[in-house]
Amino acid sequence: MKKTMEYHKRRRHAESEEVSFRMAIISSRGQVTIPQDVRDIMHIKRGSVVGFEPTKRGVLMVAMKVEPENPYTEAEWEKIEKLSKGKGKIYNSAEEAKKHVANL
């Protein structure tokens, strides 16, 4: 492993990049512990999502922000708001209930 790390350090230095090479060992389950200083730089913590992009020089790891997709349209949210504010009503059939919701 030392030869590999030294090789990369020399290669990066030759390309005029800052030398800050880090190593980690892959566990039997395919997991890697990201070094603390790298986590600090990337602002990642437990539960953070990272993406991996293969490049010609290796793999680029990028911190990502994942936001859940909204399951409802704006119009549907307005209907839900109206239903939640209204008083309860008993319908005799599903069709009656569907008609009421469609008219909101």
C-alpha atoms as a PDB file:
ATOM      1  CA  MET A   1       0.000   0.000   0.000  1.00  0.00           C
ATOM      2  CA  LYS A   2       2.816   2.404   0.746  1.00  0.00           C
ATOM      3  CA  LYS A   3       4.116   2.256  -2.820  1.00  0.00           C
ATOM      4  CA  THR A   4       0.664   3.043  -4.168  1.00  0.00           C
ATOM      5  CA  MET A   5       0.251   6.033  -1.870  1.00  0.00           C
ATOM      6  CA  GLU A   6       3.741   7.345  -2.683  1.00  0.00           C
ATOM      7  CA  TYR A   7       3.069   6.902  -6.404  1.00  0.00           C
ATOM      8  CA  HIS A   8      -0.104   9.001  -6.185  1.00  0.00           C
ATOM      9  CA  LYS A   9       1.608  11.655  -4.087  1.00  0.00           C
ATOM     10  CA  ARG A  10       4.426  12.025  -6.626  1.00  0.00           C
ATOM     11  CA  ARG A  11       1.963  12.026  -9.525  1.00  0.00           C
ATOM     12  CA  ARG A  12      -0.236  14.719  -7.983  1.00  0.00           C
ATOM     13  CA  HIS A  13       2.778  16.810  -7.009  1.00  0.00           C
ATOM     14  CA  ALA A  14       4.088  16.573 -10.566  1.00  0.00           C
ATOM     15  CA  GLU A  15       0.747  17.890 -11.814  1.00  0.00           C
ATOM     16  CA  SER A  16       1.102  20.954  -9.505  1.00  0.00           C
ATOM     17  CA  GLU A  17      -1.823  19.948  -7.297  1.00  0.00           C
ATOM     18  CA  GLU A  18      -1.833  20.189  -3.538  1.00  0.00           C
ATOM     19  CA  VAL A  19      -0.711  16.919  -1.980  1.00  0.00           C
ATOM     20  CA  SER A  20      -3.328  15.716   0.489  1.00  0.00           C
ATOM     21  CA  PHE A  21      -3.804  12.063  -0.343  1.00  0.00           C
ATOM     22  CA  ARG A  22      -5.921   9.970   2.057  1.00  0.00           C
ATOM     23  CA  MET A  23      -6.374   6.218   2.265  1.00  0.00           C
ATOM     24  CA  ALA A  24      -9.049   3.953   3.701  1.00  0.00           C
ATOM     25  CA  ILE A  25      -9.532   0.191   3.825  1.00  0.00           C
ATOM     26  CA  ILE A  26     -12.663  -1.427   2.415  1.00  0.00           C
ATOM     27  CA  SER A  27     -14.445  -3.696   4.906  1.00  0.00           C
ATOM     28  CA  SER A  28     -15.759  -7.165   4.118  1.00  0.00           C
ATOM     29  CA  ARG A  29     -19.162  -5.529   3.515  1.00  0.00           C
ATOM     30  CA  GLY A  30     -17.753  -3.042   0.982  1.00  0.00           C
ATOM     31  CA  GLN A  31     -17.808  -0.127   3.422  1.00  0.00           C
ATOM     32  CA  VAL A  32     -15.192   2.605   3.692  1.00  0.00           C
ATOM     33  CA  THR A  33     -14.635   4.999   6.568  1.00  0.00           C
ATOM     34  CA  ILE A  34     -14.114   8.465   5.133  1.00  0.00           C
ATOM     35  CA  PRO A  35     -11.299  10.200   7.034  1.00  0.00           C
ATOM     36  CA  GLN A  36     -12.531  12.813   9.518  1.00  0.00           C
ATOM     37  CA  ASP A  37     -10.707  15.732   7.902  1.00  0.00           C
ATOM     38  CA  VAL A  38     -12.295  14.867   4.548  1.00  0.00           C
ATOM     39  CA  ARG A  39     -15.753  14.675   6.178  1.00  0.00           C
ATOM     40  CA  ASP A  40     -15.136  18.073   7.763  1.00  0.00           C
ATOM     41  CA  ILE A  41     -14.110  19.627   4.438  1.00  0.00           C
ATOM     42  CA  MET A  42     -17.115  18.119   2.651  1.00  0.00           C
ATOM     43  CA  HIS A  43     -19.527  18.930   5.523  1.00  0.00           C
ATOM     44  CA  ILE A  44     -20.788  15.350   5.647  1.00  0.00           C
ATOM     45  CA  LYS A  45     -21.938  13.492   8.726  1.00  0.00           C
ATOM     46  CA  ARG A  46     -23.872  10.364   9.628  1.00  0.00           C
ATOM     47  CA  GLY A  47     -26.820  10.015   7.258  1.00  0.00           C
ATOM     48  CA  SER A  48     -25.339  12.309   4.600  1.00  0.00           C
ATOM     49  CA  VAL A  49     -25.675  11.210   0.988  1.00  0.00           C
ATOM     50  CA  VAL A  50     -22.661  11.133  -1.312  1.00  0.00           C
ATOM     51  CA  GLY A  51     -22.493  10.434  -5.027  1.00  0.00           C
ATOM     52  CA  PHE A  52     -19.708   8.749  -6.965  1.00  0.00           C
ATOM     53  CA  GLU A  53     -18.673   9.668 -10.493  1.00  0.00           C
ATOM     54  CA  PRO A  54     -16.073   7.595 -12.335  1.00  0.00           C
ATOM     55  CA  THR A  55     -13.473   9.751 -14.102  1.00  0.00           C
ATOM     56  CA  LYS A  56     -10.340   9.023 -16.121  1.00  0.00           C
ATOM     57  CA  ARG A  57      -8.214   9.651 -13.015  1.00  0.00           C
ATOM     58  CA  GLY A  58     -10.327   7.690 -10.543  1.00  0.00           C
ATOM     59  CA  VAL A  59     -13.638   8.249  -8.795  1.00  0.00           C
ATOM     60  CA  LEU A  60     -14.957  11.634  -7.728  1.00  0.00           C
ATOM     61  CA  MET A  61     -16.969  11.657  -4.492  1.00  0.00           C
ATOM     62  CA  VAL A  62     -19.495  14.487  -4.159  1.00  0.00           C
ATOM     63  CA  ALA A  63     -21.646  15.433  -1.157  1.00  0.00           C
ATOM     64  CA  MET A  64     -25.267  15.569  -2.293  1.00  0.00           C
ATOM     65  CA  LYS A  65     -28.479  17.054  -0.974  1.00  0.00           C
ATOM     66  CA  VAL A  66     -31.453  14.807  -1.609  1.00  0.00           C
ATOM     67  CA  GLU A  67     -34.929  16.225  -1.266  1.00  0.00           C
ATOM     68  CA  PRO A  68     -37.981  13.981  -1.459  1.00  0.00           C
ATOM     69  CA  GLU A  69     -40.276  14.574  -4.379  1.00  0.00           C
ATOM     70  CA  ASN A  70     -43.617  16.091  -3.435  1.00  0.00           C
ATOM     71  CA  PRO A  71     -46.303  13.430  -4.007  1.00  0.00           C
ATOM     72  CA  TYR A  72     -49.071  16.036  -4.512  1.00  0.00           C
ATOM     73  CA  THR A  73     -49.645  18.915  -6.906  1.00  0.00           C
ATOM     74  CA  GLU A  74     -50.410  22.392  -5.579  1.00  0.00           C
ATOM     75  CA  ALA A  75     -54.107  21.896  -6.405  1.00  0.00           C
ATOM     76  CA  GLU A  76     -54.165  18.588  -4.517  1.00  0.00           C
ATOM     77  CA  TRP A  77     -52.557  20.243  -1.475  1.00  0.00           C
ATOM     78  CA  GLU A  78     -55.263  22.919  -1.542  1.00  0.00           C
ATOM     79  CA  LYS A  79     -57.941  20.186  -1.511  1.00  0.00           C
ATOM     80  CA  ILE A  80     -56.198  18.429   1.382  1.00  0.00           C
ATOM     81  CA  GLU A  81     -56.061  21.728   3.317  1.00  0.00           C
ATOM     82  CA  LYS A  82     -59.792  22.294   2.759  1.00  0.00           C
ATOM     83  CA  LEU A  83     -60.629  18.737   3.822  1.00  0.00           C
ATOM     84  CA  SER A  84     -58.509  18.988   6.969  1.00  0.00           C
ATOM     85  CA  LYS A  85     -60.196  22.253   8.010  1.00  0.00           C
ATOM     86  CA  GLY A  86     -63.734  21.087   7.281  1.00  0.00           C
ATOM     87  CA  LYS A  87     -66.096  19.249   9.582  1.00  0.00           C
ATOM     88  CA  GLY A  88     -66.451  15.517   9.084  1.00  0.00           C
ATOM     89  CA  LYS A  89     -69.214  14.191   6.868  1.00  0.00           C
ATOM     90  CA  ILE A  90     -70.472  10.662   6.341  1.00  0.00           C
ATOM     91  CA  TYR A  91     -70.980   9.483   2.773  1.00  0.00           C
ATOM     92  CA  ASN A  92     -73.180   6.568   1.770  1.00  0.00           C
ATOM     93  CA  SER A  93     -70.921   5.536  -1.104  1.00  0.00           C
ATOM     94  CA  ALA A  94     -67.448   6.012  -2.468  1.00  0.00           C
ATOM     95  CA  GLU A  95     -68.942   7.815  -5.452  1.00  0.00           C
ATOM     96  CA  GLU A  96     -70.473  10.455  -3.165  1.00  0.00           C
ATOM     97  CA  ALA A  97     -67.122  10.999  -1.469  1.00  0.00           C
ATOM     98  CA  LYS A  98     -65.294  11.225  -4.817  1.00  0.00           C
ATOM     99  CA  LYS A  99     -67.841  13.754  -6.079  1.00  0.00           C
ATOM    100  CA  HIS A 100     -67.352  15.901  -2.974  1.00  0.00           C
ATOM    101  CA  VAL A 101     -63.546  15.855  -3.359  1.00  0.00           C
ATOM    102  CA  ALA A 102     -63.815  16.668  -7.086  1.00  0.00           C
ATOM    103  CA  ASN A 103     -65.907  19.740  -6.248  1.00  0.00           C
ATOM    104  CA  LEU A 104     -63.424  21.195  -3.787  1.00  0.00           C
END
